Amino acid sequence: MKDLNRFLSAFFILAFVLGCASAEKWGPLHDEVLRYPIAYDLAYLRTTEALQNVDGWELEETEKEAGMIKVRNINYTRLDDSDKKTAVFYVKRITRRETSVELAPESQRIIGAGQLMERIGQYLSKEI
């Protein structure tokens, strides 16, 4: 019986450690693509504005020609290393009057990405 208890204890400890280590890997996926009948320049501008003043996030880098906008999580008090996480968004021209916004694949499981996408959606919806 002692061996069984030791085995179960070791199993649960191992499962807990592995679960914590892979929590980000299995976090909520935000692979949605926002599509709006808005010209590229306006969509890029509104997406940048949406991401500029978000609590806990700081605009880090933009590259309009590539359609890239990068924000960094600045919550330094969190134990999940969220201060080291960045979210990269891509604004893409679909047609002359239609544009999409999406998260880069490596950013789709970042904590808070869903809230950022909602905020972008709110800003772009005002333009329709």
Foldseek 3Di string as FASTA:
>chain_A
DVVVVVVVVVVVVVVVVVCLVCVLVPADFFFDKDKDQAAQVVLLVLLCVLQPDDPQKHFDDDDSVQQKTKIAGCPPPDPSPSRHDMWIKGWADPDRRMIMIGTDPVRRSRPCPVVSVVSSVVSRVVVD
